[in-house]
Amino acid sequence: MANHKSALKRIRSNDSKRIQNRYYHKTTRNAVRKLRAMTNQKEAQELLPRVCSMLDKLAKRNVIHKNKASNLKSSITVHVSALA
Protein backbone atom coordinates (compact mmCIF):
# COMPACT_ATOMS: atom_id res chain seq x y z
CA MET A 1 0.00 0.00 0.00
CA ALA A 2 1.17 3.51 -0.78
CA ASN A 3 2.58 5.53 2.11
CA HIS A 4 2.12 9.04 0.72
CA LYS A 5 -0.92 11.04 -0.21
CA SER A 6 0.59 11.92 -3.59
CA ALA A 7 1.22 8.23 -4.31
CA LEU A 8 -2.45 7.44 -3.65
CA LYS A 9 -3.48 10.24 -6.01
CA ARG A 10 -1.03 8.95 -8.65
CA ILE A 11 -2.62 5.49 -8.41
CA ARG A 12 -6.09 6.98 -8.94
CA SER A 13 -5.03 9.15 -11.86
CA ASN A 14 -3.12 6.29 -13.51
CA ASP A 15 -6.21 4.09 -13.35
CA SER A 16 -8.45 6.73 -14.92
CA LYS A 17 -5.89 7.47 -17.65
CA ARG A 18 -5.48 3.75 -18.38
CA ILE A 19 -9.22 3.36 -18.83
CA GLN A 20 -9.39 6.38 -21.14
CA ASN A 21 -6.41 5.15 -23.18
CA ARG A 22 -8.01 1.71 -23.57
CA TYR A 23 -11.23 3.33 -24.81
CA TYR A 24 -9.47 5.56 -27.36
CA HIS A 25 -7.25 2.72 -28.56
CA LYS A 26 -10.15 0.28 -29.00
CA THR A 27 -12.26 2.90 -30.79
CA THR A 28 -9.42 3.63 -33.21
CA ARG A 29 -8.77 -0.06 -33.86
CA ASN A 30 -12.44 -0.56 -34.69
CA ALA A 31 -12.38 2.44 -37.04
CA VAL A 32 -9.34 1.04 -38.86
CA ARG A 33 -11.07 -2.35 -39.19
CA LYS A 34 -14.19 -0.67 -40.51
CA LEU A 35 -12.16 1.29 -43.06
CA ARG A 36 -10.30 -1.81 -44.23
CA ALA A 37 -13.60 -3.66 -44.69
CA MET A 38 -15.07 -0.93 -46.91
CA THR A 39 -15.41 -1.52 -50.63
CA ASN A 40 -16.91 1.83 -51.64
CA GLN A 41 -14.13 4.29 -52.40
CA LYS A 42 -16.24 7.42 -51.84
CA GLU A 43 -17.25 6.39 -48.31
CA ALA A 44 -13.71 5.25 -47.51
CA GLN A 45 -12.26 8.59 -48.62
CA GLU A 46 -14.69 10.39 -46.32
CA LEU A 47 -13.69 8.22 -43.34
CA LEU A 48 -9.93 8.27 -44.01
CA PRO A 49 -9.14 11.76 -42.57
CA ARG A 50 -11.02 10.99 -39.36
CA VAL A 51 -9.17 7.70 -38.86
CA CYS A 52 -5.81 9.34 -39.59
CA SER A 53 -6.63 12.04 -37.06
CA MET A 54 -7.49 9.41 -34.45
CA LEU A 55 -4.17 7.65 -35.06
CA ASP A 56 -2.27 10.94 -34.77
CA LYS A 57 -3.95 11.68 -31.45
CA LEU A 58 -3.04 8.24 -30.09
CA ALA A 59 0.58 8.77 -31.13
CA LYS A 60 0.62 12.23 -29.58
CA ARG A 61 -0.65 10.83 -26.27
CA ASN A 62 1.92 8.00 -26.41
CA VAL A 63 -0.79 5.34 -26.44
CA ILE A 64 0.81 3.89 -29.56
CA HIS A 65 4.24 4.54 -31.05
CA LYS A 66 4.45 7.26 -33.70
CA ASN A 67 5.95 4.83 -36.22
CA LYS A 68 3.04 2.41 -35.70
CA ALA A 69 0.61 5.24 -36.34
CA SER A 70 2.53 6.19 -39.46
CA ASN A 71 2.57 2.60 -40.73
CA LEU A 72 -1.17 2.21 -40.13
CA LYS A 73 -1.95 5.49 -41.90
CA SER A 74 0.18 4.44 -44.84
CA SER A 75 -1.45 1.03 -45.17
CA ILE A 76 -5.01 2.33 -44.96
CA THR A 77 -4.23 5.10 -47.45
CA VAL A 78 -2.90 2.50 -49.90
CA HIS A 79 -6.05 0.44 -49.32
CA VAL A 80 -8.36 3.39 -49.98
CA SER A 81 -6.50 4.44 -53.12
CA ALA A 82 -6.61 0.86 -54.44
CA LEU A 83 -10.41 0.72 -54.23
CA ALA A 84 -12.13 1.14 -57.55
C-alpha atoms as a PDB file:
ATOM      1  CA  MET A   1       0.000   0.000   0.000  1.00  0.00           C
ATOM      2  CA  ALA A   2       1.171   3.510  -0.775  1.00  0.00           C
ATOM      3  CA  ASN A   3       2.581   5.526   2.105  1.00  0.00           C
ATOM      4  CA  HIS A   4       2.121   9.037   0.724  1.00  0.00           C
ATOM      5  CA  LYS A   5      -0.923  11.044  -0.207  1.00  0.00           C
ATOM      6  CA  SER A   6       0.588  11.917  -3.590  1.00  0.00           C
ATOM      7  CA  ALA A   7       1.223   8.226  -4.310  1.00  0.00           C
ATOM      8  CA  LEU A   8      -2.448   7.436  -3.651  1.00  0.00           C
ATOM      9  CA  LYS A   9      -3.480  10.235  -6.012  1.00  0.00           C
ATOM     10  CA  ARG A  10      -1.029   8.955  -8.647  1.00  0.00           C
ATOM     11  CA  ILE A  11      -2.623   5.485  -8.410  1.00  0.00           C
ATOM     12  CA  ARG A  12      -6.088   6.979  -8.939  1.00  0.00           C
ATOM     13  CA  SER A  13      -5.025   9.154 -11.863  1.00  0.00           C
ATOM     14  CA  ASN A  14      -3.119   6.286 -13.509  1.00  0.00           C
ATOM     15  CA  ASP A  15      -6.212   4.093 -13.345  1.00  0.00           C
ATOM     16  CA  SER A  16      -8.451   6.732 -14.916  1.00  0.00           C
ATOM     17  CA  LYS A  17      -5.891   7.472 -17.652  1.00  0.00           C
ATOM     18  CA  ARG A  18      -5.477   3.751 -18.376  1.00  0.00           C
ATOM     19  CA  ILE A  19      -9.222   3.359 -18.835  1.00  0.00           C
ATOM     20  CA  GLN A  20      -9.386   6.385 -21.144  1.00  0.00           C
ATOM     21  CA  ASN A  21      -6.413   5.147 -23.181  1.00  0.00           C
ATOM     22  CA  ARG A  22      -8.010   1.707 -23.571  1.00  0.00           C
ATOM     23  CA  TYR A  23     -11.225   3.332 -24.806  1.00  0.00           C
ATOM     24  CA  TYR A  24      -9.471   5.560 -27.363  1.00  0.00           C
ATOM     25  CA  HIS A  25      -7.245   2.716 -28.555  1.00  0.00           C
ATOM     26  CA  LYS A  26     -10.146   0.284 -28.998  1.00  0.00           C
ATOM     27  CA  THR A  27     -12.256   2.903 -30.786  1.00  0.00           C
ATOM     28  CA  THR A  28      -9.421   3.632 -33.205  1.00  0.00           C
ATOM     29  CA  ARG A  29      -8.768  -0.058 -33.858  1.00  0.00           C
ATOM     30  CA  ASN A  30     -12.443  -0.563 -34.693  1.00  0.00           C
ATOM     31  CA  ALA A  31     -12.379   2.444 -37.036  1.00  0.00           C
ATOM     32  CA  VAL A  32      -9.337   1.036 -38.857  1.00  0.00           C
ATOM     33  CA  ARG A  33     -11.066  -2.352 -39.191  1.00  0.00           C
ATOM     34  CA  LYS A  34     -14.194  -0.667 -40.514  1.00  0.00           C
ATOM     35  CA  LEU A  35     -12.157   1.290 -43.061  1.00  0.00           C
ATOM     36  CA  ARG A  36     -10.302  -1.809 -44.231  1.00  0.00           C
ATOM     37  CA  ALA A  37     -13.601  -3.655 -44.691  1.00  0.00           C
ATOM     38  CA  MET A  38     -15.071  -0.932 -46.913  1.00  0.00           C
ATOM     39  CA  THR A  39     -15.414  -1.518 -50.633  1.00  0.00           C
ATOM     40  CA  ASN A  40     -16.912   1.831 -51.641  1.00  0.00           C
ATOM     41  CA  GLN A  41     -14.131   4.290 -52.397  1.00  0.00           C
ATOM     42  CA  LYS A  42     -16.235   7.424 -51.845  1.00  0.00           C
ATOM     43  CA  GLU A  43     -17.248   6.394 -48.313  1.00  0.00           C
ATOM     44  CA  ALA A  44     -13.707   5.246 -47.514  1.00  0.00           C
ATOM     45  CA  GLN A  45     -12.264   8.594 -48.618  1.00  0.00           C
ATOM     46  CA  GLU A  46     -14.692  10.395 -46.318  1.00  0.00           C
ATOM     47  CA  LEU A  47     -13.694   8.224 -43.343  1.00  0.00           C
ATOM     48  CA  LEU A  48      -9.933   8.267 -44.010  1.00  0.00           C
ATOM     49  CA  PRO A  49      -9.144  11.756 -42.574  1.00  0.00           C
ATOM     50  CA  ARG A  50     -11.021  10.988 -39.356  1.00  0.00           C
ATOM     51  CA  VAL A  51      -9.173   7.700 -38.857  1.00  0.00           C
ATOM     52  CA  CYS A  52      -5.815   9.339 -39.593  1.00  0.00           C
ATOM     53  CA  SER A  53      -6.630  12.043 -37.060  1.00  0.00           C
ATOM     54  CA  MET A  54      -7.494   9.408 -34.448  1.00  0.00           C
ATOM     55  CA  LEU A  55      -4.170   7.655 -35.062  1.00  0.00           C
ATOM     56  CA  ASP A  56      -2.266  10.936 -34.773  1.00  0.00           C
ATOM     57  CA  LYS A  57      -3.947  11.683 -31.450  1.00  0.00           C
ATOM     58  CA  LEU A  58      -3.038   8.244 -30.091  1.00  0.00           C
ATOM     59  CA  ALA A  59       0.585   8.767 -31.126  1.00  0.00           C
ATOM     60  CA  LYS A  60       0.619  12.234 -29.577  1.00  0.00           C
ATOM     61  CA  ARG A  61      -0.647  10.832 -26.270  1.00  0.00           C
ATOM     62  CA  ASN A  62       1.924   7.997 -26.409  1.00  0.00           C
ATOM     63  CA  VAL A  63      -0.788   5.336 -26.437  1.00  0.00           C
ATOM     64  CA  ILE A  64       0.814   3.886 -29.564  1.00  0.00           C
ATOM     65  CA  HIS A  65       4.236   4.542 -31.054  1.00  0.00           C
ATOM     66  CA  LYS A  66       4.454   7.263 -33.699  1.00  0.00           C
ATOM     67  CA  ASN A  67       5.947   4.832 -36.218  1.00  0.00           C
ATOM     68  CA  LYS A  68       3.042   2.410 -35.703  1.00  0.00           C
ATOM     69  CA  ALA A  69       0.610   5.240 -36.336  1.00  0.00           C
ATOM     70  CA  SER A  70       2.529   6.189 -39.464  1.00  0.00           C
ATOM     71  CA  ASN A  71       2.571   2.596 -40.734  1.00  0.00           C
ATOM     72  CA  LEU A  72      -1.169   2.210 -40.129  1.00  0.00           C
ATOM     73  CA  LYS A  73      -1.953   5.492 -41.896  1.00  0.00           C
ATOM     74  CA  SER A  74       0.183   4.438 -44.839  1.00  0.00           C
ATOM     75  CA  SER A  75      -1.453   1.034 -45.173  1.00  0.00           C
ATOM     76  CA  ILE A  76      -5.014   2.333 -44.963  1.00  0.00           C
ATOM     77  CA  THR A  77      -4.229   5.103 -47.451  1.00  0.00           C
ATOM     78  CA  VAL A  78      -2.904   2.498 -49.899  1.00  0.00           C
ATOM     79  CA  HIS A  79      -6.050   0.439 -49.317  1.00  0.00           C
ATOM     80  CA  VAL A  80      -8.364   3.385 -49.983  1.00  0.00           C
ATOM     81  CA  SER A  81      -6.500   4.444 -53.120  1.00  0.00           C
ATOM     82  CA  ALA A  82      -6.611   0.860 -54.444  1.00  0.00           C
ATOM     83  CA  LEU A  83     -10.407   0.718 -54.229  1.00  0.00           C
ATOM     84  CA  ALA A  84     -12.126   1.144 -57.546  1.00  0.00           C
END
